[in-house]
């Protein structure tokens, strides 16, 4: 099991319940592919560095999880097509 972090940028134009549902779907995807969520950081609404889909602000979430090496590719392929997700990235956290 490796340590990973999923960064998700969610649209600011949706309601709180919908935004929570997007994060819950991301957590469910992690568990579906054999991972366990260890922490979820909600950074709240931040200004984007550049305009994405005519939006200047979005909500940032960082989900830390442990998963097998095959999980990140599967998770990214599912998050890619999720509604209201503007950007995403899975990175491996190497401890030094």
N, C-alpha and C. Protein backbone atom coordinates (compact mmCIF):
# COMPACT_ATOMS: atom_id res chain seq x y z
N UNK A 1 0.84 -1.18 0.00
CA UNK A 1 0.00 0.00 0.00
C UNK A 1 0.88 1.24 0.00
N UNK A 2 0.58 2.15 -0.91
CA UNK A 2 1.30 3.41 -1.01
C UNK A 2 0.42 4.54 -0.51
N UNK A 3 1.04 5.64 -0.12
CA UNK A 3 0.30 6.82 0.33
C UNK A 3 0.13 7.76 -0.86
N UNK A 4 -1.10 8.24 -1.05
CA UNK A 4 -1.43 9.14 -2.15
C UNK A 4 -2.25 10.30 -1.64
N UNK A 5 -2.35 11.32 -2.51
CA UNK A 5 -3.21 12.46 -2.22
C UNK A 5 -3.96 12.82 -3.49
N UNK A 6 -5.26 12.96 -3.38
CA UNK A 6 -6.11 13.38 -4.49
C UNK A 6 -6.51 14.83 -4.26
N UNK A 7 -6.09 15.70 -5.17
CA UNK A 7 -6.49 17.10 -5.12
C UNK A 7 -7.64 17.29 -6.09
N UNK A 8 -8.74 17.88 -5.59
CA UNK A 8 -9.93 18.07 -6.41
C UNK A 8 -10.35 19.54 -6.32
N UNK A 9 -10.56 20.16 -7.48
CA UNK A 9 -11.05 21.53 -7.55
C UNK A 9 -12.49 21.46 -8.03
N UNK A 10 -13.43 21.87 -7.16
CA UNK A 10 -14.86 21.73 -7.42
C UNK A 10 -15.48 23.10 -7.72
N UNK A 11 -16.41 23.10 -8.64
CA UNK A 11 -17.10 24.32 -9.07
C UNK A 11 -17.72 25.06 -7.88
N UNK A 12 -17.63 26.38 -7.91
CA UNK A 12 -18.22 27.20 -6.85
C UNK A 12 -19.67 27.53 -7.15
N UNK A 13 -20.17 27.14 -8.31
CA UNK A 13 -21.54 27.48 -8.72
C UNK A 13 -22.59 26.49 -8.22
N UNK A 14 -22.18 25.46 -7.49
CA UNK A 14 -23.14 24.46 -7.02
C UNK A 14 -23.40 24.64 -5.53
N UNK A 15 -24.48 24.02 -5.05
CA UNK A 15 -24.87 24.13 -3.65
C UNK A 15 -23.96 23.29 -2.76
N UNK A 16 -24.03 23.54 -1.45
CA UNK A 16 -23.19 22.84 -0.48
C UNK A 16 -23.42 21.33 -0.51
N UNK A 17 -24.70 20.91 -0.64
CA UNK A 17 -25.02 19.48 -0.64
C UNK A 17 -24.40 18.79 -1.85
N UNK A 18 -24.47 19.44 -3.01
CA UNK A 18 -23.89 18.87 -4.22
C UNK A 18 -22.37 18.77 -4.11
N UNK A 19 -21.76 19.79 -3.51
CA UNK A 19 -20.31 19.79 -3.33
C UNK A 19 -19.89 18.66 -2.38
N UNK A 20 -20.64 18.47 -1.32
CA UNK A 20 -20.36 17.37 -0.39
C UNK A 20 -20.54 16.03 -1.09
N UNK A 21 -21.51 15.93 -1.99
CA UNK A 21 -21.74 14.69 -2.73
C UNK A 21 -20.56 14.38 -3.66
N UNK A 22 -19.97 15.40 -4.25
CA UNK A 22 -18.80 15.20 -5.12
C UNK A 22 -17.64 14.63 -4.30
N UNK A 23 -17.40 15.18 -3.13
CA UNK A 23 -16.32 14.69 -2.26
C UNK A 23 -16.62 13.27 -1.80
N UNK A 24 -17.88 12.99 -1.47
CA UNK A 24 -18.26 11.63 -1.04
C UNK A 24 -18.06 10.63 -2.17
N UNK A 25 -18.37 11.03 -3.42
CA UNK A 25 -18.15 10.14 -4.56
C UNK A 25 -16.67 9.86 -4.76
N UNK A 26 -15.83 10.86 -4.54
CA UNK A 26 -14.38 10.67 -4.65
C UNK A 26 -13.90 9.68 -3.58
N UNK A 27 -14.40 9.83 -2.36
CA UNK A 27 -14.01 8.92 -1.29
C UNK A 27 -14.51 7.50 -1.58
N UNK A 28 -15.70 7.37 -2.15
CA UNK A 28 -16.25 6.06 -2.50
C UNK A 28 -15.41 5.40 -3.59
N UNK A 29 -14.92 6.20 -4.55
CA UNK A 29 -14.06 5.65 -5.61
C UNK A 29 -12.77 5.09 -5.02
N UNK A 30 -12.19 5.82 -4.08
CA UNK A 30 -10.96 5.37 -3.43
C UNK A 30 -11.19 4.03 -2.75
N UNK A 31 -12.29 3.92 -2.01
CA UNK A 31 -12.59 2.67 -1.30
C UNK A 31 -12.93 1.55 -2.27
N UNK A 32 -13.57 1.89 -3.38
CA UNK A 32 -13.94 0.89 -4.38
C UNK A 32 -12.72 0.20 -4.98
N UNK A 33 -11.63 0.93 -5.13
CA UNK A 33 -10.42 0.37 -5.73
C UNK A 33 -9.39 -0.06 -4.68
N UNK A 34 -9.85 -0.36 -3.48
CA UNK A 34 -8.99 -0.96 -2.47
C UNK A 34 -8.25 0.01 -1.59
N UNK A 35 -8.61 1.28 -1.61
CA UNK A 35 -7.92 2.27 -0.79
C UNK A 35 -8.67 2.57 0.49
N UNK A 36 -7.98 3.21 1.41
CA UNK A 36 -8.60 3.68 2.64
C UNK A 36 -8.28 5.16 2.82
N UNK A 37 -9.31 5.96 3.02
CA UNK A 37 -9.15 7.40 3.19
C UNK A 37 -8.60 7.66 4.58
N UNK A 38 -7.52 8.43 4.67
CA UNK A 38 -6.92 8.73 5.97
C UNK A 38 -7.23 10.15 6.44
N UNK A 39 -7.44 11.09 5.49
CA UNK A 39 -7.69 12.48 5.87
C UNK A 39 -8.31 13.23 4.70
N UNK A 40 -9.19 14.19 5.01
CA UNK A 40 -9.77 15.06 3.99
C UNK A 40 -9.57 16.50 4.45
N UNK A 41 -8.82 17.27 3.66
CA UNK A 41 -8.61 18.69 3.95
C UNK A 41 -9.52 19.52 3.06
N UNK A 42 -10.35 20.34 3.68
CA UNK A 42 -11.22 21.25 2.95
C UNK A 42 -10.61 22.64 3.05
N UNK A 43 -10.06 23.12 1.94
CA UNK A 43 -9.42 24.43 1.94
C UNK A 43 -10.42 25.55 1.69
N UNK A 44 -11.64 25.20 1.34
CA UNK A 44 -12.66 26.21 1.12
C UNK A 44 -12.55 26.87 -0.24
N UNK A 45 -13.22 28.01 -0.37
CA UNK A 45 -13.26 28.72 -1.65
C UNK A 45 -12.00 29.56 -1.82
N UNK A 46 -11.34 29.35 -2.95
CA UNK A 46 -10.11 30.09 -3.27
C UNK A 46 -10.22 30.67 -4.67
N UNK A 47 -9.48 31.72 -4.90
CA UNK A 47 -9.41 32.32 -6.23
C UNK A 47 -8.51 31.46 -7.11
N UNK A 48 -8.95 31.19 -8.32
CA UNK A 48 -8.17 30.39 -9.26
C UNK A 48 -7.05 31.23 -9.87
N UNK A 49 -5.98 30.59 -10.26
CA UNK A 49 -4.85 31.29 -10.88
C UNK A 49 -5.24 31.84 -12.25
N UNK A 50 -6.14 31.12 -12.92
CA UNK A 50 -6.65 31.57 -14.22
C UNK A 50 -8.09 31.10 -14.34
N UNK A 51 -8.82 31.73 -15.22
CA UNK A 51 -10.24 31.42 -15.39
C UNK A 51 -10.43 30.03 -16.00
N UNK A 52 -11.33 29.25 -15.40
CA UNK A 52 -11.67 27.92 -15.90
C UNK A 52 -13.18 27.88 -16.09
N UNK A 53 -13.63 27.61 -17.28
CA UNK A 53 -15.06 27.55 -17.60
C UNK A 53 -15.79 28.79 -17.11
N UNK A 54 -15.19 29.94 -17.35
CA UNK A 54 -15.73 31.25 -16.98
C UNK A 54 -15.93 31.43 -15.48
N UNK A 55 -15.13 30.71 -14.68
CA UNK A 55 -15.19 30.83 -13.22
C UNK A 55 -13.85 31.35 -12.71
N UNK A 56 -13.90 32.22 -11.73
CA UNK A 56 -12.69 32.77 -11.13
C UNK A 56 -12.39 32.16 -9.77
N UNK A 57 -13.39 31.50 -9.15
CA UNK A 57 -13.21 30.90 -7.84
C UNK A 57 -13.71 29.46 -7.86
N UNK A 58 -13.16 28.65 -6.95
CA UNK A 58 -13.59 27.26 -6.83
C UNK A 58 -13.24 26.76 -5.42
N UNK A 59 -13.76 25.60 -5.08
CA UNK A 59 -13.50 24.98 -3.78
C UNK A 59 -12.42 23.92 -3.94
N UNK A 60 -11.47 23.91 -3.02
CA UNK A 60 -10.34 22.99 -3.07
C UNK A 60 -10.48 21.93 -1.98
N UNK A 61 -10.27 20.66 -2.37
CA UNK A 61 -10.28 19.54 -1.43
C UNK A 61 -9.04 18.68 -1.66
N UNK A 62 -8.42 18.23 -0.57
CA UNK A 62 -7.26 17.35 -0.65
C UNK A 62 -7.57 16.11 0.17
N UNK A 63 -7.61 14.96 -0.49
CA UNK A 63 -7.98 13.71 0.16
C UNK A 63 -6.74 12.81 0.21
N UNK A 64 -6.24 12.54 1.42
CA UNK A 64 -5.11 11.63 1.58
C UNK A 64 -5.65 10.21 1.75
N UNK A 65 -4.97 9.25 1.10
CA UNK A 65 -5.42 7.86 1.21
C UNK A 65 -4.27 6.89 0.97
N UNK A 66 -4.47 5.67 1.46
CA UNK A 66 -3.54 4.56 1.21
C UNK A 66 -4.22 3.64 0.21
N UNK A 67 -3.46 3.20 -0.81
CA UNK A 67 -4.06 2.36 -1.85
C UNK A 67 -2.97 1.57 -2.57
N UNK A 68 -3.36 0.48 -3.25
CA UNK A 68 -2.39 -0.25 -4.08
C UNK A 68 -1.98 0.59 -5.29
N UNK A 69 -0.90 0.21 -5.93
CA UNK A 69 -0.33 1.00 -7.03
C UNK A 69 -1.26 1.14 -8.23
N UNK A 70 -2.21 0.23 -8.41
CA UNK A 70 -3.10 0.29 -9.56
C UNK A 70 -4.26 1.27 -9.36
N UNK A 71 -4.52 1.68 -8.14
CA UNK A 71 -5.69 2.51 -7.82
C UNK A 71 -5.66 3.92 -8.42
N UNK A 72 -4.55 4.66 -8.40
CA UNK A 72 -4.59 6.04 -8.89
C UNK A 72 -5.07 6.18 -10.34
N UNK A 73 -4.64 5.29 -11.21
CA UNK A 73 -5.07 5.38 -12.61
C UNK A 73 -6.57 5.16 -12.73
N UNK A 74 -7.10 4.21 -11.98
CA UNK A 74 -8.54 3.94 -11.99
C UNK A 74 -9.32 5.12 -11.43
N UNK A 75 -8.83 5.69 -10.34
CA UNK A 75 -9.52 6.81 -9.70
C UNK A 75 -9.53 8.01 -10.65
N UNK A 76 -8.38 8.34 -11.25
CA UNK A 76 -8.31 9.47 -12.17
C UNK A 76 -9.24 9.30 -13.36
N UNK A 77 -9.34 8.08 -13.88
CA UNK A 77 -10.20 7.87 -15.05
C UNK A 77 -11.67 8.10 -14.70
N UNK A 78 -12.07 7.84 -13.45
CA UNK A 78 -13.46 8.07 -13.03
C UNK A 78 -13.70 9.54 -12.67
N UNK A 79 -12.72 10.18 -12.00
CA UNK A 79 -12.89 11.58 -11.59
C UNK A 79 -12.90 12.49 -12.82
N UNK A 80 -12.19 12.12 -13.86
CA UNK A 80 -12.11 12.89 -15.09
C UNK A 80 -13.49 13.21 -15.66
N UNK A 81 -14.44 12.28 -15.53
CA UNK A 81 -15.76 12.47 -16.15
C UNK A 81 -16.83 12.93 -15.16
N UNK A 82 -16.44 13.22 -13.92
CA UNK A 82 -17.41 13.68 -12.92
C UNK A 82 -17.83 15.12 -13.21
N UNK A 83 -19.13 15.36 -13.05
CA UNK A 83 -19.65 16.72 -13.20
C UNK A 83 -19.14 17.58 -12.05
N UNK A 84 -18.97 18.86 -12.32
CA UNK A 84 -18.59 19.87 -11.33
C UNK A 84 -17.16 19.75 -10.82
N UNK A 85 -16.35 18.84 -11.37
CA UNK A 85 -14.93 18.77 -11.03
C UNK A 85 -14.18 19.52 -12.13
N UNK A 86 -13.56 20.64 -11.76
CA UNK A 86 -12.84 21.45 -12.74
C UNK A 86 -11.45 20.90 -13.01
N UNK A 87 -10.74 20.51 -11.95
CA UNK A 87 -9.39 19.96 -12.07
C UNK A 87 -9.20 18.90 -11.00
N UNK A 88 -8.27 17.98 -11.24
CA UNK A 88 -7.97 16.91 -10.29
C UNK A 88 -6.53 16.47 -10.50
N UNK A 89 -5.96 15.84 -9.49
CA UNK A 89 -4.61 15.30 -9.62
C UNK A 89 -4.37 14.33 -8.47
N UNK A 90 -3.83 13.17 -8.81
CA UNK A 90 -3.42 12.20 -7.79
C UNK A 90 -1.90 12.18 -7.76
N UNK A 91 -1.32 12.39 -6.58
CA UNK A 91 0.13 12.35 -6.43
C UNK A 91 0.48 11.37 -5.32
N UNK A 92 1.65 10.77 -5.45
CA UNK A 92 2.12 9.84 -4.43
C UNK A 92 2.90 10.62 -3.38
N UNK A 93 2.60 10.36 -2.12
CA UNK A 93 3.31 11.00 -1.01
C UNK A 93 4.43 10.08 -0.56
N UNK A 94 5.66 10.40 -0.91
CA UNK A 94 6.80 9.62 -0.45
C UNK A 94 7.30 10.21 0.85
N UNK A 95 7.43 9.37 1.85
CA UNK A 95 7.95 9.84 3.13
C UNK A 95 9.46 9.72 3.11
N UNK A 96 10.13 10.74 3.61
CA UNK A 96 11.58 10.77 3.56
C UNK A 96 12.16 10.49 4.92
